[in-house]
Amino acid sequence: MDDLKKYSEHDGFIKNIAFFGDANISETDETYTQAFKLAEILSGEGYIIVDGGGPGVMEAATNGAKKGGGKTITVTFDPTNAPGFEGKYIGNVPDTEIVTTNYIERMFKLMEMGDIFIMFKGGTGTISEFGTAWVLAKLYFGCHKPFILFGDFWVEVIDVMRKNLNIDSKEMSVFEIASDIEDVPAIIAKFEKSISERPYCAIN
């Protein structure tokens, strides 16, 4: 899979950016338009955009990246016995598709392919991806992959979790909340700098 990263035009440690969020939204939804615009901007800066190959935020990520002139990767699976899963979407056509056999394999392949993750508003699927990214960052702290929570609503979500669960300061340091699209490139640059200052470690 490292061959897929060589196509990135970005020179830093962060090359692939994985988008996560609601599959059940239309093109007129604010979250869709935000994901589309952010993917367009980031792909224009040379990043490869990665998503789960479905509709909603995933479709927005792929199509936004295409508009920005960038490369796209999707990680898909098309279940026959999981009616609650959105499946592969015909409107999401990437440069490269990685096909997996089940939801768990798909999620971990997305985590493998992304060097940093952006979490938009979503439902239970996004919660599972958010939790997985967070626990992996704790387990591999120091060689972890950071993530960005997009939207001010995350402030309240995280505050409730911090107050009612056993979350320590180290766990709080692996992500940042972005209020606006304009905040994201600076946050990525900050994480890029911190990664460049680490001793060598394989984070994939």
N, C-alpha and C. Protein backbone atom coordinates (compact mmCIF):
# COMPACT_ATOMS: atom_id res chain seq x y z
N MET A 1 0.81 -1.20 0.00
CA MET A 1 0.00 0.00 0.00
C MET A 1 0.85 1.27 0.00
N ASP A 2 2.11 1.16 0.35
CA ASP A 2 2.97 2.34 0.32
C ASP A 2 3.06 2.92 -1.08
N ASP A 3 2.89 2.07 -2.11
CA ASP A 3 2.95 2.56 -3.48
C ASP A 3 1.88 3.60 -3.76
N LEU A 4 0.75 3.48 -3.06
CA LEU A 4 -0.33 4.43 -3.28
C LEU A 4 0.04 5.81 -2.76
N LYS A 5 0.92 5.88 -1.75
CA LYS A 5 1.29 7.16 -1.17
C LYS A 5 2.34 7.89 -2.00
N LYS A 6 3.03 7.18 -2.86
CA LYS A 6 4.09 7.83 -3.62
C LYS A 6 3.53 8.83 -4.62
N TYR A 7 2.22 8.72 -4.90
CA TYR A 7 1.60 9.63 -5.85
C TYR A 7 1.28 10.99 -5.22
N SER A 8 1.41 11.09 -3.91
CA SER A 8 1.17 12.37 -3.26
C SER A 8 2.21 13.39 -3.69
N GLU A 9 1.75 14.62 -3.90
CA GLU A 9 2.66 15.71 -4.24
C GLU A 9 3.14 16.45 -3.01
N HIS A 10 2.70 16.00 -1.83
CA HIS A 10 3.07 16.69 -0.61
C HIS A 10 4.39 16.14 -0.08
N ASP A 11 5.24 17.03 0.40
CA ASP A 11 6.60 16.64 0.79
C ASP A 11 6.72 16.17 2.24
N GLY A 12 5.70 16.42 3.07
CA GLY A 12 5.82 16.13 4.49
C GLY A 12 5.51 14.68 4.83
N PHE A 13 5.44 14.42 6.13
CA PHE A 13 5.11 13.08 6.62
C PHE A 13 3.64 12.77 6.37
N ILE A 14 2.79 13.79 6.45
CA ILE A 14 1.37 13.62 6.19
C ILE A 14 1.12 13.76 4.70
N LYS A 15 0.68 12.68 4.07
CA LYS A 15 0.40 12.67 2.64
C LYS A 15 -1.06 12.33 2.34
N ASN A 16 -1.60 11.36 3.07
CA ASN A 16 -2.98 10.92 2.87
C ASN A 16 -3.85 11.42 4.01
N ILE A 17 -4.99 12.02 3.66
CA ILE A 17 -5.93 12.54 4.65
C ILE A 17 -7.25 11.79 4.50
N ALA A 18 -7.67 11.08 5.56
CA ALA A 18 -8.89 10.29 5.52
C ALA A 18 -10.06 11.09 6.09
N PHE A 19 -11.16 11.09 5.35
CA PHE A 19 -12.39 11.79 5.74
C PHE A 19 -13.39 10.77 6.29
N PHE A 20 -14.03 11.12 7.42
CA PHE A 20 -15.08 10.30 8.03
C PHE A 20 -16.28 11.19 8.32
N GLY A 21 -17.48 10.64 8.18
CA GLY A 21 -18.67 11.41 8.50
C GLY A 21 -19.93 10.76 7.96
N ASP A 22 -21.04 11.47 8.07
CA ASP A 22 -22.37 10.95 7.79
C ASP A 22 -22.53 10.52 6.33
N ALA A 23 -23.02 9.30 6.13
CA ALA A 23 -23.33 8.83 4.78
C ALA A 23 -24.71 9.28 4.32
N ASN A 24 -25.59 9.59 5.26
CA ASN A 24 -26.99 9.82 4.93
C ASN A 24 -27.32 11.31 4.84
N ILE A 25 -26.53 12.04 4.06
CA ILE A 25 -26.80 13.45 3.82
C ILE A 25 -26.74 13.73 2.33
N SER A 26 -27.45 14.78 1.91
CA SER A 26 -27.49 15.14 0.50
C SER A 26 -26.47 16.23 0.19
N GLU A 27 -26.37 16.57 -1.07
CA GLU A 27 -25.43 17.59 -1.52
C GLU A 27 -25.77 18.98 -0.98
N THR A 28 -27.01 19.17 -0.52
CA THR A 28 -27.41 20.47 0.00
C THR A 28 -27.13 20.63 1.50
N ASP A 29 -26.74 19.55 2.15
CA ASP A 29 -26.45 19.59 3.59
C ASP A 29 -25.16 20.36 3.85
N GLU A 30 -25.14 21.14 4.93
CA GLU A 30 -23.97 21.95 5.25
C GLU A 30 -22.72 21.09 5.44
N THR A 31 -22.87 19.95 6.09
CA THR A 31 -21.72 19.07 6.32
C THR A 31 -21.15 18.57 5.00
N TYR A 32 -22.03 18.24 4.05
CA TYR A 32 -21.58 17.80 2.73
C TYR A 32 -20.76 18.90 2.05
N THR A 33 -21.30 20.12 2.04
CA THR A 33 -20.60 21.22 1.36
C THR A 33 -19.28 21.54 2.04
N GLN A 34 -19.22 21.42 3.37
CA GLN A 34 -17.97 21.66 4.09
C GLN A 34 -16.93 20.61 3.73
N ALA A 35 -17.34 19.34 3.71
CA ALA A 35 -16.41 18.26 3.36
C ALA A 35 -15.92 18.41 1.93
N PHE A 36 -16.82 18.75 1.02
CA PHE A 36 -16.46 18.94 -0.39
C PHE A 36 -15.42 20.05 -0.52
N LYS A 37 -15.69 21.18 0.10
CA LYS A 37 -14.78 22.33 -0.02
C LYS A 37 -13.44 22.04 0.61
N LEU A 38 -13.44 21.39 1.77
CA LEU A 38 -12.18 21.08 2.45
C LEU A 38 -11.35 20.09 1.63
N ALA A 39 -12.00 19.08 1.05
CA ALA A 39 -11.28 18.14 0.20
C ALA A 39 -10.70 18.84 -1.02
N GLU A 40 -11.46 19.76 -1.58
CA GLU A 40 -10.97 20.53 -2.73
C GLU A 40 -9.71 21.31 -2.37
N ILE A 41 -9.75 21.98 -1.22
CA ILE A 41 -8.61 22.79 -0.78
C ILE A 41 -7.39 21.91 -0.50
N LEU A 42 -7.59 20.84 0.25
CA LEU A 42 -6.47 19.99 0.66
C LEU A 42 -5.86 19.24 -0.53
N SER A 43 -6.70 18.79 -1.44
CA SER A 43 -6.17 18.12 -2.62
C SER A 43 -5.38 19.11 -3.48
N GLY A 44 -5.82 20.35 -3.49
CA GLY A 44 -5.08 21.38 -4.22
C GLY A 44 -3.71 21.66 -3.63
N GLU A 45 -3.56 21.31 -2.35
CA GLU A 45 -2.26 21.48 -1.68
C GLU A 45 -1.38 20.24 -1.83
N GLY A 46 -1.87 19.23 -2.55
CA GLY A 46 -1.06 18.05 -2.84
C GLY A 46 -1.35 16.83 -2.01
N TYR A 47 -2.33 16.90 -1.12
CA TYR A 47 -2.68 15.74 -0.31
C TYR A 47 -3.57 14.78 -1.09
N ILE A 48 -3.44 13.49 -0.81
CA ILE A 48 -4.35 12.47 -1.33
C ILE A 48 -5.52 12.34 -0.36
N ILE A 49 -6.74 12.31 -0.89
CA ILE A 49 -7.94 12.21 -0.06
C ILE A 49 -8.42 10.77 -0.05
N VAL A 50 -8.66 10.25 1.16
CA VAL A 50 -9.09 8.87 1.37
C VAL A 50 -10.46 8.87 2.03
N ASP A 51 -11.35 7.98 1.59
CA ASP A 51 -12.65 7.84 2.27
C ASP A 51 -13.19 6.44 2.05
N GLY A 52 -14.38 6.19 2.61
CA GLY A 52 -14.94 4.84 2.61
C GLY A 52 -15.74 4.44 1.40
N GLY A 53 -15.78 5.29 0.36
CA GLY A 53 -16.39 4.90 -0.89
C GLY A 53 -17.91 4.95 -0.94
N GLY A 54 -18.53 5.47 0.13
CA GLY A 54 -19.98 5.55 0.17
C GLY A 54 -20.49 6.92 -0.22
N PRO A 55 -21.77 7.19 0.05
CA PRO A 55 -22.35 8.50 -0.22
C PRO A 55 -22.06 9.50 0.91
N GLY A 56 -22.74 10.64 0.89
CA GLY A 56 -22.61 11.63 1.95
C GLY A 56 -21.24 12.26 2.01
N VAL A 57 -20.67 12.32 3.21
CA VAL A 57 -19.35 12.92 3.40
C VAL A 57 -18.30 12.24 2.54
N MET A 58 -18.44 10.93 2.37
CA MET A 58 -17.45 10.19 1.57
C MET A 58 -17.50 10.62 0.10
N GLU A 59 -18.69 10.71 -0.44
CA GLU A 59 -18.84 11.19 -1.81
C GLU A 59 -18.32 12.62 -1.94
N ALA A 60 -18.65 13.45 -0.95
CA ALA A 60 -18.19 14.84 -0.96
C ALA A 60 -16.67 14.92 -0.98
N ALA A 61 -16.02 14.05 -0.21
CA ALA A 61 -14.56 14.05 -0.14
C ALA A 61 -13.95 13.70 -1.49
N THR A 62 -14.45 12.64 -2.12
CA THR A 62 -13.92 12.22 -3.42
C THR A 62 -14.15 13.30 -4.48
N ASN A 63 -15.37 13.80 -4.55
CA ASN A 63 -15.70 14.75 -5.61
C ASN A 63 -15.04 16.11 -5.38
N GLY A 64 -14.92 16.50 -4.11
CA GLY A 64 -14.20 17.74 -3.81
C GLY A 64 -12.75 17.64 -4.20
N ALA A 65 -12.13 16.49 -3.92
CA ALA A 65 -10.73 16.28 -4.28
C ALA A 65 -10.54 16.30 -5.79
N LYS A 66 -11.48 15.72 -6.51
CA LYS A 66 -11.40 15.75 -7.97
C LYS A 66 -11.43 17.19 -8.49
N LYS A 67 -12.32 17.99 -7.91
CA LYS A 67 -12.41 19.39 -8.33
C LYS A 67 -11.11 20.12 -8.03
N GLY A 68 -10.45 19.74 -6.94
CA GLY A 68 -9.18 20.36 -6.58
C GLY A 68 -8.00 19.84 -7.38
N GLY A 69 -8.25 18.86 -8.24
CA GLY A 69 -7.19 18.31 -9.08
C GLY A 69 -6.33 17.28 -8.40
N GLY A 70 -6.81 16.72 -7.27
CA GLY A 70 -6.00 15.78 -6.50
C GLY A 70 -6.36 14.32 -6.74
N LYS A 71 -5.61 13.44 -6.08
CA LYS A 71 -5.81 12.00 -6.17
C LYS A 71 -6.74 11.52 -5.05
N THR A 72 -7.47 10.46 -5.34
CA THR A 72 -8.42 9.92 -4.36
C THR A 72 -8.28 8.42 -4.22
N ILE A 73 -8.52 7.93 -3.00
CA ILE A 73 -8.53 6.51 -2.68
C ILE A 73 -9.81 6.22 -1.90
N THR A 74 -10.52 5.16 -2.26
CA THR A 74 -11.61 4.70 -1.41
C THR A 74 -11.31 3.30 -0.91
N VAL A 75 -11.84 3.00 0.28
CA VAL A 75 -11.74 1.68 0.88
C VAL A 75 -13.17 1.19 1.06
N THR A 76 -13.55 0.15 0.34
CA THR A 76 -14.96 -0.24 0.29
C THR A 76 -15.19 -1.68 0.73
N PHE A 77 -16.45 -1.95 1.08
CA PHE A 77 -16.95 -3.32 1.07
C PHE A 77 -18.45 -3.21 0.78
N ASP A 78 -18.97 -4.22 0.12
CA ASP A 78 -20.35 -4.18 -0.34
C ASP A 78 -21.10 -5.37 0.25
N PRO A 79 -21.66 -5.20 1.45
CA PRO A 79 -22.23 -6.34 2.17
C PRO A 79 -23.57 -6.79 1.60
N THR A 80 -23.88 -8.06 1.80
CA THR A 80 -25.18 -8.60 1.40
C THR A 80 -26.10 -8.81 2.59
N ASN A 81 -25.54 -8.87 3.78
CA ASN A 81 -26.35 -9.15 4.97
C ASN A 81 -26.21 -8.08 6.05
N ALA A 82 -25.99 -6.84 5.63
CA ALA A 82 -25.87 -5.73 6.58
C ALA A 82 -26.72 -4.57 6.08
N PRO A 83 -28.05 -4.66 6.25
CA PRO A 83 -28.95 -3.64 5.70
C PRO A 83 -28.76 -2.26 6.32
N GLY A 84 -28.09 -2.17 7.46
CA GLY A 84 -27.85 -0.88 8.10
C GLY A 84 -26.61 -0.18 7.59
N PHE A 85 -25.91 -0.81 6.64
CA PHE A 85 -24.67 -0.22 6.12
C PHE A 85 -24.93 0.33 4.72
N GLU A 86 -24.33 1.49 4.42
CA GLU A 86 -24.65 2.18 3.16
C GLU A 86 -24.05 1.52 1.92
N GLY A 87 -23.00 0.71 2.11
CA GLY A 87 -22.40 0.02 0.99
C GLY A 87 -21.63 0.91 0.04
N LYS A 88 -21.12 0.29 -1.01
CA LYS A 88 -20.40 1.03 -2.04
C LYS A 88 -21.40 1.88 -2.82
N TYR A 89 -20.99 3.11 -3.17
CA TYR A 89 -21.90 4.06 -3.82
C TYR A 89 -21.46 4.37 -5.23
N ILE A 90 -22.40 4.28 -6.16
CA ILE A 90 -22.08 4.45 -7.58
C ILE A 90 -21.58 5.86 -7.90
N GLY A 91 -21.98 6.84 -7.09
CA GLY A 91 -21.55 8.21 -7.34
C GLY A 91 -20.18 8.56 -6.78
N ASN A 92 -19.54 7.59 -6.12
CA ASN A 92 -18.22 7.82 -5.53
C ASN A 92 -17.19 7.03 -6.35
N VAL A 93 -16.54 7.71 -7.28
CA VAL A 93 -15.63 7.04 -8.21
C VAL A 93 -14.21 7.59 -8.00
N PRO A 94 -13.34 6.84 -7.32
CA PRO A 94 -12.00 7.32 -6.99
C PRO A 94 -10.98 6.98 -8.07
N ASP A 95 -9.76 7.43 -7.88
CA ASP A 95 -8.65 6.99 -8.72
C ASP A 95 -8.26 5.55 -8.39
N THR A 96 -8.31 5.22 -7.09
CA THR A 96 -7.93 3.88 -6.63
C THR A 96 -8.96 3.39 -5.63
N GLU A 97 -9.42 2.15 -5.80
CA GLU A 97 -10.35 1.53 -4.85
C GLU A 97 -9.69 0.31 -4.22
N ILE A 98 -9.75 0.24 -2.90
CA ILE A 98 -9.29 -0.92 -2.16
C ILE A 98 -10.53 -1.65 -1.64
N VAL A 99 -10.71 -2.89 -2.03
CA VAL A 99 -11.91 -3.64 -1.66
C VAL A 99 -11.61 -4.53 -0.46
N THR A 100 -12.45 -4.43 0.58
CA THR A 100 -12.30 -5.26 1.77
C THR A 100 -13.52 -6.17 1.90
N THR A 101 -13.48 -7.06 2.90
CA THR A 101 -14.52 -8.08 3.00
C THR A 101 -15.54 -7.83 4.10
N ASN A 102 -15.27 -6.91 5.03
CA ASN A 102 -16.23 -6.64 6.10
C ASN A 102 -15.97 -5.26 6.70
N TYR A 103 -16.87 -4.83 7.56
CA TYR A 103 -16.81 -3.47 8.11
C TYR A 103 -15.53 -3.22 8.91
N ILE A 104 -15.15 -4.19 9.74
CA ILE A 104 -13.98 -4.00 10.59
C ILE A 104 -12.72 -3.89 9.74
N GLU A 105 -12.59 -4.77 8.74
CA GLU A 105 -11.43 -4.70 7.86
C GLU A 105 -11.40 -3.36 7.13
N ARG A 106 -12.56 -2.91 6.69
CA ARG A 106 -12.65 -1.62 5.99
C ARG A 106 -12.19 -0.48 6.89
N MET A 107 -12.68 -0.46 8.14
CA MET A 107 -12.34 0.63 9.03
C MET A 107 -10.84 0.65 9.33
N PHE A 108 -10.25 -0.51 9.58
CA PHE A 108 -8.83 -0.53 9.89
C PHE A 108 -7.96 -0.23 8.67
N LYS A 109 -8.45 -0.58 7.48
CA LYS A 109 -7.72 -0.22 6.27
C LYS A 109 -7.76 1.30 6.06
N LEU A 110 -8.89 1.92 6.36
CA LEU A 110 -8.98 3.37 6.30
C LEU A 110 -7.98 4.01 7.28
N MET A 111 -7.90 3.44 8.49
CA MET A 111 -6.96 3.96 9.48
C MET A 111 -5.52 3.76 9.01
N GLU A 112 -5.27 2.67 8.32
CA GLU A 112 -3.92 2.41 7.79
C GLU A 112 -3.57 3.40 6.69
N MET A 113 -4.52 3.64 5.79
CA MET A 113 -4.23 4.46 4.63
C MET A 113 -4.10 5.95 4.96
N GLY A 114 -4.83 6.42 5.95
CA GLY A 114 -4.74 7.83 6.33
C GLY A 114 -3.55 8.11 7.22
N ASP A 115 -2.91 9.25 7.02
CA ASP A 115 -1.85 9.71 7.92
C ASP A 115 -2.41 10.64 8.99
N ILE A 116 -3.58 11.20 8.70
CA ILE A 116 -4.32 12.03 9.63
C ILE A 116 -5.79 11.86 9.26
N PHE A 117 -6.68 11.99 10.24
CA PHE A 117 -8.10 11.77 10.00
C PHE A 117 -8.88 13.05 10.30
N ILE A 118 -9.93 13.29 9.50
CA ILE A 118 -10.84 14.40 9.76
C ILE A 118 -12.23 13.82 9.99
N MET A 119 -12.79 14.09 11.17
CA MET A 119 -14.10 13.56 11.56
C MET A 119 -15.16 14.65 11.46
N PHE A 120 -16.12 14.46 10.57
CA PHE A 120 -17.25 15.37 10.43
C PHE A 120 -18.43 14.84 11.25
N LYS A 121 -19.51 15.58 11.26
CA LYS A 121 -20.71 15.13 11.95
C LYS A 121 -21.21 13.85 11.30
N GLY A 122 -21.61 12.90 12.14
CA GLY A 122 -22.10 11.63 11.63
C GLY A 122 -22.92 10.91 12.67
N GLY A 123 -23.13 9.62 12.46
CA GLY A 123 -23.91 8.80 13.38
C GLY A 123 -23.07 7.73 14.02
N THR A 124 -23.64 6.54 14.19
CA THR A 124 -22.95 5.48 14.92
C THR A 124 -21.69 5.02 14.21
N GLY A 125 -21.70 5.02 12.87
CA GLY A 125 -20.49 4.64 12.14
C GLY A 125 -19.35 5.59 12.42
N THR A 126 -19.66 6.88 12.42
CA THR A 126 -18.64 7.89 12.71
C THR A 126 -18.15 7.77 14.15
N ILE A 127 -19.06 7.45 15.06
CA ILE A 127 -18.66 7.25 16.46
C ILE A 127 -17.66 6.10 16.56
N SER A 128 -17.92 5.01 15.84
CA SER A 128 -17.00 3.86 15.90
C SER A 128 -15.64 4.23 15.34
N GLU A 129 -15.63 5.01 14.26
CA GLU A 129 -14.36 5.42 13.64
C GLU A 129 -13.62 6.41 14.53
N PHE A 130 -14.35 7.33 15.13
CA PHE A 130 -13.76 8.28 16.07
C PHE A 130 -13.14 7.55 17.25
N GLY A 131 -13.89 6.61 17.83
CA GLY A 131 -13.37 5.86 18.98
C GLY A 131 -12.15 5.03 18.62
N THR A 132 -12.16 4.44 17.44
CA THR A 132 -11.02 3.64 17.01
C THR A 132 -9.78 4.50 16.80
N ALA A 133 -9.96 5.64 16.14
CA ALA A 133 -8.83 6.56 15.95
C ALA A 133 -8.26 7.01 17.28
N TRP A 134 -9.15 7.25 18.24
CA TRP A 134 -8.72 7.77 19.54
C TRP A 134 -7.97 6.70 20.34
N VAL A 135 -8.50 5.48 20.37
CA VAL A 135 -7.81 4.44 21.14
C VAL A 135 -6.49 4.05 20.49
N LEU A 136 -6.41 4.05 19.16
CA LEU A 136 -5.14 3.76 18.50
C LEU A 136 -4.11 4.84 18.81
N ALA A 137 -4.56 6.09 18.87
CA ALA A 137 -3.64 7.18 19.22
C ALA A 137 -3.12 7.02 20.64
N LYS A 138 -3.97 6.53 21.55
CA LYS A 138 -3.52 6.29 22.92
C LYS A 138 -2.54 5.11 22.97
N LEU A 139 -2.90 4.02 22.29
CA LEU A 139 -2.06 2.82 22.34
C LEU A 139 -0.67 3.05 21.75
N TYR A 140 -0.63 3.86 20.68
CA TYR A 140 0.64 4.09 19.98
C TYR A 140 1.13 5.52 20.18
N PHE A 141 0.79 6.10 21.32
CA PHE A 141 1.14 7.49 21.58
C PHE A 141 2.65 7.72 21.40
N GLY A 142 2.96 8.76 20.67
CA GLY A 142 4.34 9.04 20.32
C GLY A 142 4.65 8.61 18.90
N CYS A 143 3.95 7.57 18.45
CA CYS A 143 4.01 7.14 17.05
C CYS A 143 2.59 7.09 16.47
N HIS A 144 1.71 7.88 17.05
CA HIS A 144 0.29 7.82 16.69
C HIS A 144 -0.05 8.72 15.51
N LYS A 145 -1.24 8.49 14.96
CA LYS A 145 -1.78 9.34 13.92
C LYS A 145 -2.78 10.31 14.56
N PRO A 146 -2.61 11.59 14.34
CA PRO A 146 -3.51 12.58 14.93
C PRO A 146 -4.81 12.67 14.14
N PHE A 147 -5.80 13.35 14.72
CA PHE A 147 -7.04 13.56 14.00
C PHE A 147 -7.64 14.92 14.33
N ILE A 148 -8.51 15.35 13.45
CA ILE A 148 -9.18 16.65 13.58
C ILE A 148 -10.68 16.39 13.66
N LEU A 149 -11.32 17.01 14.65
CA LEU A 149 -12.77 16.97 14.78
C LEU A 149 -13.31 18.26 14.17
N PHE A 150 -14.11 18.13 13.12
CA PHE A 150 -14.54 19.31 12.39
C PHE A 150 -15.93 19.76 12.84
N GLY A 151 -16.00 20.98 13.38
CA GLY A 151 -17.28 21.55 13.80
C GLY A 151 -17.29 21.89 15.29
N ASP A 152 -17.91 23.01 15.61
CA ASP A 152 -17.96 23.46 17.01
C ASP A 152 -18.76 22.53 17.91
N PHE A 153 -19.67 21.74 17.35
CA PHE A 153 -20.47 20.83 18.17
C PHE A 153 -19.59 19.84 18.92
N TRP A 154 -18.40 19.56 18.37
CA TRP A 154 -17.49 18.62 19.03
C TRP A 154 -17.02 19.13 20.40
N VAL A 155 -17.01 20.44 20.59
CA VAL A 155 -16.57 21.00 21.88
C VAL A 155 -17.45 20.45 22.99
N GLU A 156 -18.76 20.49 22.79
CA GLU A 156 -19.70 19.98 23.80
C GLU A 156 -19.57 18.47 23.97
N VAL A 157 -19.42 17.76 22.85
CA VAL A 157 -19.27 16.30 22.91
C VAL A 157 -18.05 15.91 23.74
N ILE A 158 -16.92 16.52 23.44
CA ILE A 158 -15.68 16.21 24.14
C ILE A 158 -15.75 16.64 25.60
N ASP A 159 -16.39 17.77 25.86
CA ASP A 159 -16.50 18.26 27.23
C ASP A 159 -17.29 17.29 28.10
N VAL A 160 -18.37 16.76 27.57
CA VAL A 160 -19.16 15.77 28.31
C VAL A 160 -18.34 14.52 28.58
N MET A 161 -17.59 14.07 27.59
CA MET A 161 -16.76 12.87 27.75
C MET A 161 -15.65 13.11 28.77
N ARG A 162 -15.03 14.28 28.68
CA ARG A 162 -13.94 14.60 29.62
C ARG A 162 -14.43 14.66 31.06
N LYS A 163 -15.64 15.20 31.25
CA LYS A 163 -16.19 15.36 32.60
C LYS A 163 -16.69 14.05 33.19
N ASN A 164 -17.15 13.13 32.34
CA ASN A 164 -17.82 11.94 32.84
C ASN A 164 -17.06 10.64 32.63
N LEU A 165 -15.98 10.69 31.86
CA LEU A 165 -15.17 9.49 31.62
C LEU A 165 -13.75 9.72 32.12
N ASN A 166 -12.95 8.68 32.09
CA ASN A 166 -11.56 8.77 32.56
C ASN A 166 -10.64 9.08 31.38
N ILE A 167 -10.65 10.34 30.96
CA ILE A 167 -9.84 10.79 29.83
C ILE A 167 -8.70 11.64 30.36
N ASP A 168 -7.45 11.28 30.06
CA ASP A 168 -6.33 12.04 30.59
C ASP A 168 -5.82 13.06 29.57
N SER A 169 -4.89 13.89 30.01
CA SER A 169 -4.39 14.98 29.17
C SER A 169 -3.66 14.47 27.93
N LYS A 170 -2.98 13.34 28.06
CA LYS A 170 -2.29 12.76 26.90
C LYS A 170 -3.28 12.41 25.81
N GLU A 171 -4.39 11.81 26.21
CA GLU A 171 -5.43 11.45 25.24
C GLU A 171 -6.06 12.68 24.59
N MET A 172 -6.10 13.79 25.34
CA MET A 172 -6.68 15.01 24.81
C MET A 172 -5.74 15.72 23.84
N SER A 173 -4.48 15.32 23.82
CA SER A 173 -3.49 16.02 23.00
C SER A 173 -3.39 15.48 21.57
N VAL A 174 -4.07 14.37 21.29
CA VAL A 174 -3.88 13.71 19.99
C VAL A 174 -4.82 14.25 18.91
N PHE A 175 -5.69 15.17 19.28
CA PHE A 175 -6.62 15.75 18.31
C PHE A 175 -6.80 17.24 18.57
N GLU A 176 -7.36 17.91 17.58
CA GLU A 176 -7.78 19.30 17.74
C GLU A 176 -9.14 19.46 17.08
N ILE A 177 -9.89 20.45 17.56
CA ILE A 177 -11.19 20.77 16.99
C ILE A 177 -11.03 21.96 16.06
N ALA A 178 -11.56 21.82 14.85
CA ALA A 178 -11.53 22.90 13.87
C ALA A 178 -12.93 23.49 13.73
N SER A 179 -13.05 24.78 13.92
CA SER A 179 -14.35 25.44 13.81
C SER A 179 -14.72 25.70 12.35
N ASP A 180 -13.71 26.01 11.54
CA ASP A 180 -13.95 26.42 10.15
C ASP A 180 -12.99 25.71 9.21
N ILE A 181 -13.33 25.72 7.95
CA ILE A 181 -12.47 25.15 6.92
C ILE A 181 -11.09 25.79 6.95
N GLU A 182 -11.06 27.10 7.17
CA GLU A 182 -9.79 27.83 7.15
C GLU A 182 -8.85 27.41 8.27
N ASP A 183 -9.37 26.79 9.33
CA ASP A 183 -8.54 26.36 10.46
C ASP A 183 -7.73 25.10 10.15
N VAL A 184 -8.22 24.29 9.23
CA VAL A 184 -7.69 22.94 9.05
C VAL A 184 -6.25 22.91 8.54
N PRO A 185 -5.89 23.67 7.49
CA PRO A 185 -4.49 23.59 7.03
C PRO A 185 -3.47 23.93 8.11
N ALA A 186 -3.79 24.90 8.97
CA ALA A 186 -2.86 25.27 10.05
C ALA A 186 -2.74 24.15 11.08
N ILE A 187 -3.85 23.48 11.37
CA ILE A 187 -3.81 22.36 12.32
C ILE A 187 -3.00 21.21 11.74
N ILE A 188 -3.18 20.93 10.46
CA ILE A 188 -2.38 19.87 9.82
C ILE A 188 -0.90 20.22 9.88
N ALA A 189 -0.57 21.49 9.61
CA ALA A 189 0.83 21.92 9.66
C ALA A 189 1.40 21.77 11.06
N LYS A 190 0.59 22.04 12.07
CA LYS A 190 1.03 21.88 13.46
C LYS A 190 1.33 20.41 13.76
N PHE A 191 0.41 19.52 13.35
CA PHE A 191 0.65 18.09 13.56
C PHE A 191 1.85 17.60 12.74
N GLU A 192 1.99 18.12 11.55
CA GLU A 192 3.14 17.77 10.70
C GLU A 192 4.45 18.10 11.42
N LYS A 193 4.50 19.26 12.03
CA LYS A 193 5.71 19.69 12.75
C LYS A 193 5.99 18.75 13.92
N SER A 194 4.95 18.38 14.67
CA SER A 194 5.17 17.51 15.82
C SER A 194 5.62 16.12 15.39
N ILE A 195 5.08 15.63 14.25
CA ILE A 195 5.51 14.33 13.74
C ILE A 195 6.97 14.38 13.30
N SER A 196 7.37 15.49 12.67
CA SER A 196 8.75 15.61 12.18
C SER A 196 9.76 15.65 13.32
N GLU A 197 9.30 15.99 14.51
CA GLU A 197 10.20 16.08 15.67
C GLU A 197 10.26 14.77 16.46
N ARG A 198 9.49 13.78 16.07
CA ARG A 198 9.51 12.50 16.76
C ARG A 198 10.74 11.70 16.35
N PRO A 199 11.18 10.79 17.23
CA PRO A 199 12.13 9.77 16.76
C PRO A 199 11.43 8.90 15.74
N TYR A 200 12.22 8.22 14.90
CA TYR A 200 11.60 7.42 13.84
C TYR A 200 10.69 6.35 14.44
N CYS A 201 9.52 6.23 13.84
CA CYS A 201 8.65 5.11 14.15
C CYS A 201 7.69 4.90 12.99
N ALA A 202 7.33 3.66 12.76
CA ALA A 202 6.39 3.34 11.68
C ALA A 202 4.99 3.52 12.23
N ILE A 203 4.22 4.45 11.64
CA ILE A 203 2.88 4.71 12.17
C ILE A 203 1.81 4.06 11.32
N ASN A 204 2.18 3.32 10.29
CA ASN A 204 1.16 2.66 9.47
C ASN A 204 0.95 1.22 9.92
